[in-house]
Amino acid sequence: MKFLISPAKTLDLTSTPSIDTFSLPELLDESKELIDTIKPYSPADIASLMKLSDKLATLNVSRYQEWQKEHTRDNSRPAIYTFMGDVYTGLDAYSLNESDMKYAQKSLRILSGLYGLLKPLDLMQAYRLEMGTSLKNDRGSNLYQFWGDIIVDKINETLKEGELLVNLASNEYFKAVNKKKLTSPLISPNFLDEKNGKFKVISFYAKKARGLMARYLIENRCETLEELKAFDLAGYRYDPQQSTKDTPVFIRPESAEPKK
């Protein structure tokens, strides 16, 4: 089983990774091409393109200028210990042991606007480039056109025949994967929370739940859909009535354990 998650806007650039091993991104030529495309942009250009404050735009312009194709432990950090946010709160990478991380390195992939596809321990440098950004480039008018089939081809390289691919990424990021070219069955879990008697997707909780499921799949070395359906962290449970073959639905009643 392989599974995909989104990156995050918020970055941790200071803490010490709990595991001192790393790997290198496989699409650095493409990353450099994007950096070279965006480097000439001024803070005002970036603020307009990404709808950022002047302060954030200035910060990220300096990041583009400082970005280097050669990634080392001096100028980069492993992705799984760098991205923050709701998904990564659920995943809680710092508490995964060495055996878990070894499994994650084989099974988990992080979609990225700049790096395309990252393994958990791939080194990355600080950046802001969301997949939905309309950045004109030599291959088109946005990042979806830039990446084309590059990401799906990389994913297919990792998949054994018949191996499940679980999509725990946001729509913005999974749109960069050409589903028609996938060589394996695709499973897209959905997480619903009860509010005022009705079950619905609540973004904050759904993001955290995706991270929780990624952690569950890692810790339990899940390989089948039946094993995935047993996910029960933080009060969620599989709901066969609302589920379909490719979209297992997990619900959490308001009476479930306290939401943090």
C-alpha atoms as a PDB file:
ATOM      1  CA  MET A   1       0.000   0.000   0.000  1.00  0.00           C
ATOM      2  CA  LYS A   2       1.214   3.481  -0.891  1.00  0.00           C
ATOM      3  CA  PHE A   3      -0.378   6.683   0.378  1.00  0.00           C
ATOM      4  CA  LEU A   4      -0.221  10.373  -0.486  1.00  0.00           C
ATOM      5  CA  ILE A   5      -0.522  13.475   1.684  1.00  0.00           C
ATOM      6  CA  SER A   6      -0.308  17.208   0.994  1.00  0.00           C
ATOM      7  CA  PRO A   7       2.519  19.462   2.182  1.00  0.00           C
ATOM      8  CA  ALA A   8       1.893  22.447   4.487  1.00  0.00           C
ATOM      9  CA  LYS A   9       2.403  26.200   4.346  1.00  0.00           C
ATOM     10  CA  THR A  10       3.802  26.367   7.879  1.00  0.00           C
ATOM     11  CA  LEU A  11       7.362  25.109   8.266  1.00  0.00           C
ATOM     12  CA  ASP A  12       9.445  23.987  11.239  1.00  0.00           C
ATOM     13  CA  LEU A  13      13.010  25.067  10.503  1.00  0.00           C
ATOM     14  CA  THR A  14      14.520  24.759  13.976  1.00  0.00           C
ATOM     15  CA  SER A  15      13.696  21.499  15.776  1.00  0.00           C
ATOM     16  CA  THR A  16      16.060  18.528  15.698  1.00  0.00           C
ATOM     17  CA  PRO A  17      14.771  15.548  13.650  1.00  0.00           C
ATOM     18  CA  SER A  18      14.337  12.444  15.788  1.00  0.00           C
ATOM     19  CA  ILE A  19      15.986  10.235  13.143  1.00  0.00           C
ATOM     20  CA  ASP A  20      19.332  11.267  11.692  1.00  0.00           C
ATOM     21  CA  THR A  21      19.037   9.789   8.204  1.00  0.00           C
ATOM     22  CA  PHE A  22      17.959  11.433   4.981  1.00  0.00           C
ATOM     23  CA  SER A  23      17.415  10.940   1.260  1.00  0.00           C
ATOM     24  CA  LEU A  24      17.389  13.286  -1.726  1.00  0.00           C
ATOM     25  CA  PRO A  25      14.409  14.419  -3.820  1.00  0.00           C
ATOM     26  CA  GLU A  26      14.246  12.747  -7.221  1.00  0.00           C
ATOM     27  CA  LEU A  27      12.950  15.722  -9.205  1.00  0.00           C
ATOM     28  CA  LEU A  28      15.491  18.426  -8.353  1.00  0.00           C
ATOM     29  CA  ASP A  29      16.038  19.334 -12.016  1.00  0.00           C
ATOM     30  CA  GLU A  30      12.364  20.287 -12.226  1.00  0.00           C
ATOM     31  CA  SER A  31      12.539  22.091  -8.872  1.00  0.00           C
ATOM     32  CA  LYS A  32      15.444  24.202 -10.115  1.00  0.00           C
ATOM     33  CA  GLU A  33      13.510  25.004 -13.276  1.00  0.00           C
ATOM     34  CA  LEU A  34      10.664  26.361 -11.144  1.00  0.00           C
ATOM     35  CA  ILE A  35      13.024  28.319  -8.899  1.00  0.00           C
ATOM     36  CA  ASP A  36      14.679  29.864 -11.967  1.00  0.00           C
ATOM     37  CA  THR A  37      11.208  30.806 -13.224  1.00  0.00           C
ATOM     38  CA  ILE A  38      10.142  32.518 -10.011  1.00  0.00           C
ATOM     39  CA  LYS A  39      13.477  34.077  -8.959  1.00  0.00           C
ATOM     40  CA  PRO A  40      12.999  37.274 -11.011  1.00  0.00           C
ATOM     41  CA  TYR A  41       9.687  38.022  -9.254  1.00  0.00           C
ATOM     42  CA  SER A  42       9.671  40.991  -6.875  1.00  0.00           C
ATOM     43  CA  PRO A  43       7.984  40.919  -3.452  1.00  0.00           C
ATOM     44  CA  ALA A  44       5.072  42.840  -4.988  1.00  0.00           C
ATOM     45  CA  ASP A  45       4.802  40.240  -7.770  1.00  0.00           C
ATOM     46  CA  ILE A  46       4.771  37.386  -5.254  1.00  0.00           C
ATOM     47  CA  ALA A  47       2.257  39.160  -3.005  1.00  0.00           C
ATOM     48  CA  SER A  48      -0.085  39.493  -5.974  1.00  0.00           C
ATOM     49  CA  LEU A  49       0.497  35.990  -7.380  1.00  0.00           C
ATOM     50  CA  MET A  50       0.096  34.154  -4.067  1.00  0.00           C
ATOM     51  CA  LYS A  51      -2.150  36.621  -2.225  1.00  0.00           C
ATOM     52  CA  LEU A  52       0.417  37.070   0.553  1.00  0.00           C
ATOM     53  CA  SER A  53       1.152  39.940   2.921  1.00  0.00           C
ATOM     54  CA  ASP A  54       4.155  42.130   2.065  1.00  0.00           C
ATOM     55  CA  LYS A  55       6.087  40.544   4.939  1.00  0.00           C
ATOM     56  CA  LEU A  56       5.466  36.966   3.761  1.00  0.00           C
ATOM     57  CA  ALA A  57       6.126  37.892   0.146  1.00  0.00           C
ATOM     58  CA  THR A  58       9.494  39.425   1.062  1.00  0.00           C
ATOM     59  CA  LEU A  59      10.399  36.353   3.138  1.00  0.00           C
ATOM     60  CA  ASN A  60       9.663  33.989   0.270  1.00  0.00           C
ATOM     61  CA  VAL A  61      11.484  36.068  -2.330  1.00  0.00           C
ATOM     62  CA  SER A  62      14.583  35.739  -0.143  1.00  0.00           C
ATOM     63  CA  ARG A  63      13.957  31.982   0.082  1.00  0.00           C
ATOM     64  CA  TYR A  64      13.872  31.682  -3.706  1.00  0.00           C
ATOM     65  CA  GLN A  65      17.142  33.618  -3.933  1.00  0.00           C
ATOM     66  CA  GLU A  66      18.814  31.400  -1.321  1.00  0.00           C
ATOM     67  CA  TRP A  67      17.520  28.078  -2.715  1.00  0.00           C
ATOM     68  CA  GLN A  68      20.281  25.788  -3.982  1.00  0.00           C
ATOM     69  CA  LYS A  69      19.948  22.702  -6.138  1.00  0.00           C
ATOM     70  CA  GLU A  70      22.512  20.882  -4.012  1.00  0.00           C
ATOM     71  CA  HIS A  71      20.663  19.750  -0.889  1.00  0.00           C
ATOM     72  CA  THR A  72      22.777  18.991   2.185  1.00  0.00           C
ATOM     73  CA  ARG A  73      22.090  18.689   5.900  1.00  0.00           C
ATOM     74  CA  ASP A  74      23.573  22.177   6.243  1.00  0.00           C
ATOM     75  CA  ASN A  75      21.035  23.891   3.980  1.00  0.00           C
ATOM     76  CA  SER A  76      18.057  21.492   4.102  1.00  0.00           C
ATOM     77  CA  ARG A  77      15.831  19.417   6.402  1.00  0.00           C
ATOM     78  CA  PRO A  78      13.925  16.124   5.951  1.00  0.00           C
ATOM     79  CA  ALA A  79      10.426  16.936   4.685  1.00  0.00           C
ATOM     80  CA  ILE A  80       8.511  14.925   7.283  1.00  0.00           C
ATOM     81  CA  TYR A  81      10.109  16.977  10.086  1.00  0.00           C
ATOM     82  CA  THR A  82       9.706  20.301   8.290  1.00  0.00           C
ATOM     83  CA  PHE A  83       6.053  20.536   7.265  1.00  0.00           C
ATOM     84  CA  MET A  84       3.660  21.571  10.045  1.00  0.00           C
ATOM     85  CA  GLY A  85      -0.109  22.098  10.111  1.00  0.00           C
ATOM     86  CA  ASP A  86      -3.169  19.952  10.781  1.00  0.00           C
ATOM     87  CA  VAL A  87      -2.182  16.908   8.687  1.00  0.00           C
ATOM     88  CA  TYR A  88       1.231  16.779  10.350  1.00  0.00           C
ATOM     89  CA  THR A  89      -0.287  17.203  13.810  1.00  0.00           C
ATOM     90  CA  GLY A  90      -2.248  14.021  13.151  1.00  0.00           C
ATOM     91  CA  LEU A  91       0.776  12.233  11.692  1.00  0.00           C
ATOM     92  CA  ASP A  92       3.047  13.266  14.595  1.00  0.00           C
ATOM     93  CA  ALA A  93       6.260  12.178  12.863  1.00  0.00           C
ATOM     94  CA  TYR A  94       8.498  12.903  15.848  1.00  0.00           C
ATOM     95  CA  SER A  95       6.933  10.039  17.800  1.00  0.00           C
ATOM     96  CA  LEU A  96       7.386   7.454  15.023  1.00  0.00           C
ATOM     97  CA  ASN A  97      10.188   5.002  15.740  1.00  0.00           C
ATOM     98  CA  GLU A  98      12.970   4.017  13.363  1.00  0.00           C
ATOM     99  CA  SER A  99      11.111   0.953  12.081  1.00  0.00           C
ATOM    100  CA  ASP A 100       7.983   3.036  11.426  1.00  0.00           C
ATOM    101  CA  MET A 101      10.009   5.650   9.563  1.00  0.00           C
ATOM    102  CA  LYS A 102      11.663   2.985   7.440  1.00  0.00           C
ATOM    103  CA  TYR A 103       8.208   1.757   6.418  1.00  0.00           C
ATOM    104  CA  ALA A 104       7.001   5.330   5.827  1.00  0.00           C
ATOM    105  CA  GLN A 105       9.999   5.980   3.589  1.00  0.00           C
ATOM    106  CA  LYS A 106       8.819   3.136   1.339  1.00  0.00           C
ATOM    107  CA  SER A 107       5.080   3.790   1.504  1.00  0.00           C
ATOM    108  CA  LEU A 108       4.347   7.483   2.151  1.00  0.00           C
ATOM    109  CA  ARG A 109       4.745  10.231  -0.444  1.00  0.00           C
ATOM    110  CA  ILE A 110       4.210  13.981  -0.038  1.00  0.00           C
ATOM    111  CA  LEU A 111       2.925  15.966  -3.016  1.00  0.00           C
ATOM    112  CA  SER A 112       4.656  19.325  -3.463  1.00  0.00           C
ATOM    113  CA  GLY A 113       4.315  22.316  -5.762  1.00  0.00           C
ATOM    114  CA  LEU A 114       8.092  22.803  -5.867  1.00  0.00           C
ATOM    115  CA  TYR A 115       9.424  19.261  -5.459  1.00  0.00           C
ATOM    116  CA  GLY A 116       6.645  17.323  -7.178  1.00  0.00           C
ATOM    117  CA  LEU A 117       6.853  14.229  -4.998  1.00  0.00           C
ATOM    118  CA  LEU A 118       8.826  13.792  -1.784  1.00  0.00           C
ATOM    119  CA  LYS A 119       9.723  10.782   0.331  1.00  0.00           C
ATOM    120  CA  PRO A 120       9.428  11.509   4.078  1.00  0.00           C
ATOM    121  CA  LEU A 121      13.187  11.781   4.627  1.00  0.00           C
ATOM    122  CA  ASP A 122      13.936  13.692   1.423  1.00  0.00           C
ATOM    123  CA  LEU A 123      15.815  16.898   2.166  1.00  0.00           C
ATOM    124  CA  MET A 124      13.984  20.121   1.327  1.00  0.00           C
ATOM    125  CA  GLN A 125      14.673  23.822   1.628  1.00  0.00           C
ATOM    126  CA  ALA A 126      12.189  26.402   2.871  1.00  0.00           C
ATOM    127  CA  TYR A 127       9.755  27.521   0.182  1.00  0.00           C
ATOM    128  CA  ARG A 128       6.197  28.644  -0.509  1.00  0.00           C
ATOM    129  CA  LEU A 129       4.713  27.408  -3.787  1.00  0.00           C
ATOM    130  CA  GLU A 130       1.270  25.891  -3.571  1.00  0.00           C
ATOM    131  CA  MET A 131       0.185  23.494  -6.298  1.00  0.00           C
ATOM    132  CA  GLY A 132      -2.712  25.730  -7.307  1.00  0.00           C
ATOM    133  CA  THR A 133      -0.429  28.695  -8.062  1.00  0.00           C
ATOM    134  CA  SER A 134      -0.886  30.120 -11.572  1.00  0.00           C
ATOM    135  CA  LEU A 135       2.846  30.439 -12.211  1.00  0.00           C
ATOM    136  CA  LYS A 136       3.553  30.834 -15.915  1.00  0.00           C
ATOM    137  CA  ASN A 137       6.386  28.562 -17.013  1.00  0.00           C
ATOM    138  CA  ASP A 138       7.903  26.975 -20.105  1.00  0.00           C
ATOM    139  CA  ARG A 139       5.350  24.149 -20.005  1.00  0.00           C
ATOM    140  CA  GLY A 140       2.172  26.130 -19.440  1.00  0.00           C
ATOM    141  CA  SER A 141       0.347  28.681 -17.336  1.00  0.00           C
ATOM    142  CA  ASN A 142       0.255  26.824 -14.011  1.00  0.00           C
ATOM    143  CA  LEU A 143       1.923  24.086 -11.969  1.00  0.00           C
ATOM    144  CA  TYR A 144      -0.491  21.395 -13.118  1.00  0.00           C
ATOM    145  CA  GLN A 145       0.711  21.939 -16.672  1.00  0.00           C
ATOM    146  CA  PHE A 146       4.321  22.137 -15.504  1.00  0.00           C
ATOM    147  CA  TRP A 147       4.202  18.778 -13.735  1.00  0.00           C
ATOM    148  CA  GLY A 148       2.025  17.102 -16.363  1.00  0.00           C
ATOM    149  CA  ASP A 149       2.507  13.325 -16.020  1.00  0.00           C
ATOM    150  CA  ILE A 150       5.821  13.580 -14.159  1.00  0.00           C
ATOM    151  CA  ILE A 151       4.258  13.008 -10.734  1.00  0.00           C
ATOM    152  CA  VAL A 152       1.988  10.125 -11.745  1.00  0.00           C
ATOM    153  CA  ASP A 153       4.890   8.445 -13.534  1.00  0.00           C
ATOM    154  CA  LYS A 154       6.969   8.644 -10.325  1.00  0.00           C
ATOM    155  CA  ILE A 155       4.089   7.223  -8.288  1.00  0.00           C
ATOM    156  CA  ASN A 156       3.633   4.355 -10.741  1.00  0.00           C
ATOM    157  CA  GLU A 157       7.329   3.504 -10.417  1.00  0.00           C
ATOM    158  CA  THR A 158       6.783   2.765  -6.719  1.00  0.00           C
ATOM    159  CA  LEU A 159       3.617   0.672  -7.129  1.00  0.00           C
ATOM    160  CA  LYS A 160       3.656  -3.092  -7.417  1.00  0.00           C
ATOM    161  CA  GLU A 161       0.984  -4.736  -9.558  1.00  0.00           C
ATOM    162  CA  GLY A 162      -2.381  -4.477  -7.793  1.00  0.00           C
ATOM    163  CA  GLU A 163      -0.966  -2.490  -4.860  1.00  0.00           C
ATOM    164  CA  LEU A 164      -3.438   0.023  -3.435  1.00  0.00           C
ATOM    165  CA  LEU A 165      -2.830   3.773  -3.651  1.00  0.00           C
ATOM    166  CA  VAL A 166      -4.552   5.724  -0.871  1.00  0.00           C
ATOM    167  CA  ASN A 167      -5.233   9.402  -1.494  1.00  0.00           C
ATOM    168  CA  LEU A 168      -5.017  11.396   1.744  1.00  0.00           C
ATOM    169  CA  ALA A 169      -4.124  14.637  -0.056  1.00  0.00           C
ATOM    170  CA  SER A 170      -6.298  17.695  -0.658  1.00  0.00           C
ATOM    171  CA  ASN A 171      -8.094  18.199  -3.972  1.00  0.00           C
ATOM    172  CA  GLU A 172      -5.675  21.012  -4.859  1.00  0.00           C
ATOM    173  CA  TYR A 173      -2.712  18.672  -4.642  1.00  0.00           C
ATOM    174  CA  PHE A 174      -4.205  15.417  -5.883  1.00  0.00           C
ATOM    175  CA  LYS A 175      -5.296  17.237  -9.045  1.00  0.00           C
ATOM    176  CA  ALA A 176      -1.576  17.139  -9.983  1.00  0.00           C
ATOM    177  CA  VAL A 177      -1.832  13.329 -10.263  1.00  0.00           C
ATOM    178  CA  ASN A 178      -3.234  12.166 -13.616  1.00  0.00           C
ATOM    179  CA  LYS A 179      -5.671   9.539 -12.327  1.00  0.00           C
ATOM    180  CA  LYS A 180      -6.185   8.072 -15.792  1.00  0.00           C
ATOM    181  CA  LYS A 181      -2.551   6.990 -15.889  1.00  0.00           C
ATOM    182  CA  LEU A 182      -2.453   5.318 -12.468  1.00  0.00           C
ATOM    183  CA  THR A 183      -1.557   1.643 -12.731  1.00  0.00           C
ATOM    184  CA  SER A 184      -3.105   0.613  -9.393  1.00  0.00           C
ATOM    185  CA  PRO A 185      -6.508   0.835  -7.675  1.00  0.00           C
ATOM    186  CA  LEU A 186      -7.166   4.229  -6.039  1.00  0.00           C
ATOM    187  CA  ILE A 187      -8.799   4.554  -2.614  1.00  0.00           C
ATOM    188  CA  SER A 188      -9.912   8.010  -1.393  1.00  0.00           C
ATOM    189  CA  PRO A 189     -11.067   7.984   2.255  1.00  0.00           C
ATOM    190  CA  ASN A 190     -13.486  10.628   3.482  1.00  0.00           C
ATOM    191  CA  PHE A 191     -13.847  11.861   7.063  1.00  0.00           C
ATOM    192  CA  LEU A 192     -17.107  13.256   8.425  1.00  0.00           C
ATOM    193  CA  ASP A 193     -17.745  14.861  11.806  1.00  0.00           C
ATOM    194  CA  GLU A 194     -21.147  15.271  13.404  1.00  0.00           C
ATOM    195  CA  LYS A 195     -22.341  18.823  13.932  1.00  0.00           C
ATOM    196  CA  ASN A 196     -25.878  19.672  15.025  1.00  0.00           C
ATOM    197  CA  GLY A 197     -26.980  16.130  14.279  1.00  0.00           C
ATOM    198  CA  LYS A 198     -25.562  15.993  10.744  1.00  0.00           C
ATOM    199  CA  PHE A 199     -22.331  14.469   9.475  1.00  0.00           C
ATOM    200  CA  LYS A 200     -20.242  16.718   7.269  1.00  0.00           C
ATOM    201  CA  VAL A 201     -16.658  17.412   6.249  1.00  0.00           C
ATOM    202  CA  ILE A 202     -15.169  19.939   8.668  1.00  0.00           C
ATOM    203  CA  SER A 203     -11.891  21.044   7.117  1.00  0.00           C
ATOM    204  CA  PHE A 204      -9.800  21.351  10.293  1.00  0.00           C
ATOM    205  CA  TYR A 205     -10.824  17.914  11.559  1.00  0.00           C
ATOM    206  CA  ALA A 206     -10.628  16.267   8.119  1.00  0.00           C
ATOM    207  CA  LYS A 207      -7.045  17.461   7.622  1.00  0.00           C
ATOM    208  CA  LYS A 208      -5.989  16.129  10.996  1.00  0.00           C
ATOM    209  CA  ALA A 209      -7.819  12.855  10.278  1.00  0.00           C
ATOM    210  CA  ARG A 210      -5.820  12.394   7.065  1.00  0.00           C
ATOM    211  CA  GLY A 211      -2.636  12.659   9.103  1.00  0.00           C
ATOM    212  CA  LEU A 212      -4.023  10.269  11.707  1.00  0.00           C
ATOM    213  CA  MET A 213      -4.844   7.732   9.012  1.00  0.00           C
ATOM    214  CA  ALA A 214      -1.358   8.055   7.507  1.00  0.00           C
ATOM    215  CA  ARG A 215       0.041   7.313  10.959  1.00  0.00           C
ATOM    216  CA  TYR A 216      -2.342   4.364  11.394  1.00  0.00           C
ATOM    217  CA  LEU A 217      -1.319   2.884   8.031  1.00  0.00           C
ATOM    218  CA  ILE A 218       2.351   3.235   8.997  1.00  0.00           C
ATOM    219  CA  GLU A 219       2.078   1.791  12.506  1.00  0.00           C
ATOM    220  CA  ASN A 220      -0.106  -1.123  11.400  1.00  0.00           C
ATOM    221  CA  ARG A 221       1.751  -1.808   8.129  1.00  0.00           C
ATOM    222  CA  CYS A 222      -1.610  -1.904   6.353  1.00  0.00           C
ATOM    223  CA  GLU A 223      -1.712  -3.526   2.918  1.00  0.00           C
ATOM    224  CA  THR A 224      -5.409  -4.204   2.255  1.00  0.00           C
ATOM    225  CA  LEU A 225      -8.628  -2.212   2.143  1.00  0.00           C
ATOM    226  CA  GLU A 226     -10.042  -4.291   4.996  1.00  0.00           C
ATOM    227  CA  GLU A 227      -7.094  -3.316   7.188  1.00  0.00           C
ATOM    228  CA  LEU A 228      -7.615   0.344   6.279  1.00  0.00           C
ATOM    229  CA  LYS A 229     -11.300   0.123   7.214  1.00  0.00           C
ATOM    230  CA  ALA A 230     -10.267  -0.838  10.760  1.00  0.00           C
ATOM    231  CA  PHE A 231      -8.979   2.740  11.302  1.00  0.00           C
ATOM    232  CA  ASP A 232     -10.377   3.896  14.644  1.00  0.00           C
ATOM    233  CA  LEU A 233      -8.163   6.693  15.948  1.00  0.00           C
ATOM    234  CA  ALA A 234      -9.581   9.789  17.687  1.00  0.00           C
ATOM    235  CA  GLY A 235     -13.132   8.415  17.737  1.00  0.00           C
ATOM    236  CA  TYR A 236     -13.564   7.767  14.000  1.00  0.00           C
ATOM    237  CA  ARG A 237     -15.127   4.546  12.741  1.00  0.00           C
ATOM    238  CA  TYR A 238     -15.866   3.085   9.334  1.00  0.00           C
ATOM    239  CA  ASP A 239     -19.433   3.640   8.108  1.00  0.00           C
ATOM    240  CA  PRO A 240     -20.417   1.002   5.517  1.00  0.00           C
ATOM    241  CA  GLN A 241     -23.728   2.750   4.745  1.00  0.00           C
ATOM    242  CA  GLN A 242     -22.071   5.912   3.418  1.00  0.00           C
ATOM    243  CA  SER A 243     -19.031   4.202   1.904  1.00  0.00           C
ATOM    244  CA  THR A 244     -18.501   3.117  -1.683  1.00  0.00           C
ATOM    245  CA  LYS A 245     -15.966   0.675  -3.092  1.00  0.00           C
ATOM    246  CA  ASP A 246     -13.366   3.388  -3.735  1.00  0.00           C
ATOM    247  CA  THR A 247     -14.402   5.913  -1.067  1.00  0.00           C
ATOM    248  CA  PRO A 248     -14.474   4.471   2.445  1.00  0.00           C
ATOM    249  CA  VAL A 249     -16.208   6.908   4.790  1.00  0.00           C
ATOM    250  CA  PHE A 250     -15.239   7.336   8.431  1.00  0.00           C
ATOM    251  CA  ILE A 251     -17.551   9.166  10.805  1.00  0.00           C
ATOM    252  CA  ARG A 252     -17.083  10.657  14.253  1.00  0.00           C
ATOM    253  CA  PRO A 253     -20.140  11.375  16.413  1.00  0.00           C
ATOM    254  CA  GLU A 254     -20.206  14.435  18.645  1.00  0.00           C
ATOM    255  CA  SER A 255     -20.245  12.021  21.585  1.00  0.00           C
ATOM    256  CA  ALA A 256     -16.831  10.612  20.598  1.00  0.00           C
ATOM    257  CA  GLU A 257     -13.670  11.402  22.524  1.00  0.00           C
ATOM    258  CA  PRO A 258     -12.833  15.099  22.982  1.00  0.00           C
ATOM    259  CA  LYS A 259     -11.516  16.800  19.864  1.00  0.00           C
ATOM    260  CA  LYS A 260      -8.132  18.411  20.291  1.00  0.00           C
END
